[in-house]
């Protein structure tokens, strides 16, 4: 069939130039259209946390729903000033400690870097905590929720913020000469 006959059959067909054959743009990550996709992604991110999977199964809920529920309850408790210590222990110590032990058991070097970085940054946050609290608690009513969300950001599998902070900190300390080996004297 000729092009004229095709256009007579379907007038919407036009003589359009072919798209450029240059480098392709990277495809965007598909948007999350509904909550089920969000829950599935979060479930996948925490699929290696056996206690979370067991609790979700016991209560017949999606693990992603359980994670978001825990974060929501923790955020709400800290906004109202109730249970700050409990939330800090659960989010900042118990979960990271569990994952660190699992990492040591599995001898996983990639995860070891994440959790070692987390604990170093957590220690620095702990040391600076009182100073930060005195400096910002009056100005920033959301100090504890922001702190807890920062802890989650530091170990969340997709963000791995602890590694980002650790790498930047180590690079800075190395540039300043703090991490150089001391020179040995030759006798």
Protein backbone atom coordinates (compact mmCIF):
# COMPACT_ATOMS: atom_id res chain seq x y z
CA UNK A 1 0.00 0.00 0.00
CA UNK A 2 1.19 3.45 -0.76
CA UNK A 3 1.43 6.23 1.80
CA UNK A 4 -1.55 8.05 0.25
CA UNK A 5 -3.81 5.05 0.69
CA UNK A 6 -2.70 4.63 4.31
CA UNK A 7 -3.47 8.32 4.98
CA UNK A 8 -6.88 7.93 3.33
CA UNK A 9 -7.67 5.00 5.60
CA UNK A 10 -6.33 6.69 8.73
CA UNK A 11 -6.13 10.49 8.36
CA UNK A 12 -4.42 10.86 11.77
CA UNK A 13 -1.22 9.42 10.33
CA UNK A 14 1.06 12.21 9.28
CA UNK A 15 4.47 12.28 7.76
CA UNK A 16 6.38 12.64 10.99
CA UNK A 17 10.14 12.65 11.03
CA UNK A 18 11.79 9.71 12.74
CA UNK A 19 12.90 10.41 16.31
CA UNK A 20 16.57 11.29 16.67
CA UNK A 21 18.79 8.28 17.12
CA UNK A 22 21.16 9.96 19.58
CA UNK A 23 21.86 8.81 23.11
CA UNK A 24 18.79 7.73 24.99
CA UNK A 25 17.69 9.50 28.12
CA UNK A 26 17.82 7.39 31.25
CA UNK A 27 14.37 6.12 32.05
CA UNK A 28 12.82 7.58 35.15
CA UNK A 29 11.95 5.30 37.99
CA UNK A 30 8.27 4.40 37.74
CA UNK A 31 6.09 6.57 39.91
CA UNK A 32 4.37 5.05 42.86
CA UNK A 33 0.76 5.06 41.80
CA UNK A 34 -0.74 3.49 44.86
CA UNK A 35 0.00 2.52 48.43
CA UNK A 36 0.41 -1.14 47.60
CA UNK A 37 3.50 -0.33 45.53
CA UNK A 38 4.93 1.76 48.38
CA UNK A 39 4.31 -1.05 50.88
CA UNK A 40 5.87 -3.58 48.51
CA UNK A 41 9.01 -1.49 48.05
CA UNK A 42 9.42 -0.97 51.78
CA UNK A 43 8.81 -4.68 52.37
CA UNK A 44 11.53 -5.48 49.84
CA UNK A 45 13.92 -3.05 51.54
CA UNK A 46 13.45 -4.79 54.89
CA UNK A 47 13.11 -8.36 53.60
CA UNK A 48 16.23 -9.46 55.49
CA UNK A 49 14.82 -8.49 58.91
CA UNK A 50 13.41 -11.79 60.17
CA UNK A 51 11.66 -10.44 63.32
CA UNK A 52 9.85 -7.82 61.24
CA UNK A 53 8.70 -10.49 58.79
CA UNK A 54 7.52 -12.72 61.65
CA UNK A 55 5.56 -9.93 63.36
CA UNK A 56 3.96 -8.89 60.07
CA UNK A 57 2.98 -12.49 59.38
CA UNK A 58 1.57 -12.93 62.89
CA UNK A 59 -0.65 -9.85 62.54
CA UNK A 60 -1.40 -10.65 58.89
CA UNK A 61 -0.14 -7.31 57.56
CA UNK A 62 2.33 -6.33 54.88
CA UNK A 63 5.83 -5.74 56.36
CA UNK A 64 5.88 -2.35 54.59
CA UNK A 65 2.71 -1.37 56.44
CA UNK A 66 4.32 -2.44 59.70
CA UNK A 67 7.46 -0.38 59.02
CA UNK A 68 5.45 2.73 58.11
CA UNK A 69 3.23 2.17 61.15
CA UNK A 70 6.26 1.99 63.45
CA UNK A 71 7.70 5.15 61.92
CA UNK A 72 4.35 6.95 62.24
CA UNK A 73 3.91 5.93 65.90
CA UNK A 74 7.53 6.86 66.69
CA UNK A 75 7.18 10.24 65.00
CA UNK A 76 3.86 10.93 66.76
CA UNK A 77 5.24 9.93 70.18
CA UNK A 78 8.27 12.16 69.81
CA UNK A 79 6.23 15.14 68.61
CA UNK A 80 4.16 14.96 71.78
CA UNK A 81 7.22 14.30 73.94
CA UNK A 82 6.07 10.88 75.09
CA UNK A 83 8.42 7.97 74.83
CA UNK A 84 11.43 9.80 73.40
CA UNK A 85 13.82 7.40 75.13
CA UNK A 86 11.85 4.31 74.07
CA UNK A 87 11.72 5.48 70.47
CA UNK A 88 15.42 6.36 70.47
CA UNK A 89 16.28 2.91 71.83
CA UNK A 90 14.04 1.12 69.32
CA UNK A 91 14.99 3.12 66.24
CA UNK A 92 18.54 4.13 67.09
CA UNK A 93 19.90 1.13 68.99
CA UNK A 94 17.85 -2.11 68.90
CA UNK A 95 17.28 -2.36 65.15
CA UNK A 96 20.83 -1.30 64.23
CA UNK A 97 22.26 -3.68 66.86
CA UNK A 98 20.20 -6.57 65.47
CA UNK A 99 21.31 -5.82 61.92
CA UNK A 100 24.95 -5.46 63.02
CA UNK A 101 24.85 -8.90 64.67
CA UNK A 102 23.27 -10.41 61.55
CA UNK A 103 25.96 -8.80 59.44
CA UNK A 104 28.72 -10.28 61.60
CA UNK A 105 27.09 -13.73 61.50
CA UNK A 106 26.84 -13.61 57.69
CA UNK A 107 30.33 -12.10 57.28
CA UNK A 108 28.95 -9.63 54.76
CA UNK A 109 31.58 -6.96 54.09
CA UNK A 110 29.24 -4.60 52.21
CA UNK A 111 26.74 -4.54 55.06
CA UNK A 112 29.58 -4.35 57.59
CA UNK A 113 30.61 -1.02 56.09
CA UNK A 114 27.07 0.31 56.42
CA UNK A 115 26.71 -0.68 60.06
CA UNK A 116 30.23 0.30 61.10
CA UNK A 117 29.66 3.70 59.50
CA UNK A 118 26.31 3.94 61.29
CA UNK A 119 27.83 3.27 64.71
CA UNK A 120 30.65 5.78 64.21
CA UNK A 121 28.20 8.51 63.18
CA UNK A 122 25.78 7.48 65.96
CA UNK A 123 28.59 7.86 68.50
CA UNK A 124 29.38 11.34 67.17
CA UNK A 125 25.68 12.23 67.36
CA UNK A 126 25.56 10.89 70.92
CA UNK A 127 28.54 13.02 71.93
CA UNK A 128 27.05 16.13 70.32
CA UNK A 129 23.50 15.39 71.47
CA UNK A 130 23.50 17.49 74.62
CA UNK A 131 25.10 20.46 72.86
CA UNK A 132 22.60 20.19 70.00
CA UNK A 133 19.66 19.79 72.36
CA UNK A 134 20.58 22.86 74.41
CA UNK A 135 21.21 24.87 71.26
CA UNK A 136 18.07 23.92 69.35
CA UNK A 137 15.33 22.61 71.66
CA UNK A 138 13.72 26.02 72.16
CA UNK A 139 14.00 27.02 68.54
CA UNK A 140 13.10 23.69 67.07
CA UNK A 141 10.21 21.81 68.64
CA UNK A 142 10.78 18.97 66.20
CA UNK A 143 14.33 18.23 67.44
CA UNK A 144 13.62 14.63 68.52
CA UNK A 145 11.50 13.69 65.48
CA UNK A 146 14.15 15.12 63.16
CA UNK A 147 16.86 13.28 65.07
CA UNK A 148 14.95 10.00 64.81
CA UNK A 149 14.25 10.50 61.11
CA UNK A 150 17.98 11.18 60.63
CA UNK A 151 18.78 7.87 62.33
CA UNK A 152 16.38 6.07 59.99
CA UNK A 153 17.87 7.89 56.99
CA UNK A 154 21.33 6.77 58.10
CA UNK A 155 20.51 3.06 57.88
CA UNK A 156 17.62 2.86 55.42
CA UNK A 157 18.77 0.48 52.65
CA UNK A 158 18.00 2.92 49.81
CA UNK A 159 19.64 6.01 51.33
CA UNK A 160 22.55 4.66 53.40
CA UNK A 161 23.13 8.10 54.85
CA UNK A 162 25.68 6.84 57.37
CA UNK A 163 28.03 5.88 54.55
CA UNK A 164 27.56 9.29 52.92
CA UNK A 165 28.36 11.11 56.17
CA UNK A 166 31.19 8.74 57.06
CA UNK A 167 32.84 9.02 53.65
CA UNK A 168 32.63 12.82 53.70
CA UNK A 169 33.93 12.92 57.30
CA UNK A 170 36.78 10.50 56.62
CA UNK A 171 37.75 12.40 53.47
CA UNK A 172 37.81 15.68 55.40
CA UNK A 173 39.83 14.21 58.26
CA UNK A 174 42.23 12.65 55.77
CA UNK A 175 42.70 15.98 53.96
CA UNK A 176 43.42 17.67 57.28
CA UNK A 177 46.05 15.04 58.06
CA UNK A 178 44.33 13.45 61.06
CA UNK A 179 44.28 9.97 59.57
CA UNK A 180 47.85 9.78 58.30
CA UNK A 181 50.12 7.15 59.75
CA UNK A 182 52.76 8.59 62.04
CA UNK A 183 56.18 8.65 60.45
CA UNK A 184 58.59 6.20 62.01
CA UNK A 185 62.10 7.30 62.88
CA UNK A 186 64.88 5.38 61.20
CA UNK A 187 67.75 4.53 63.52
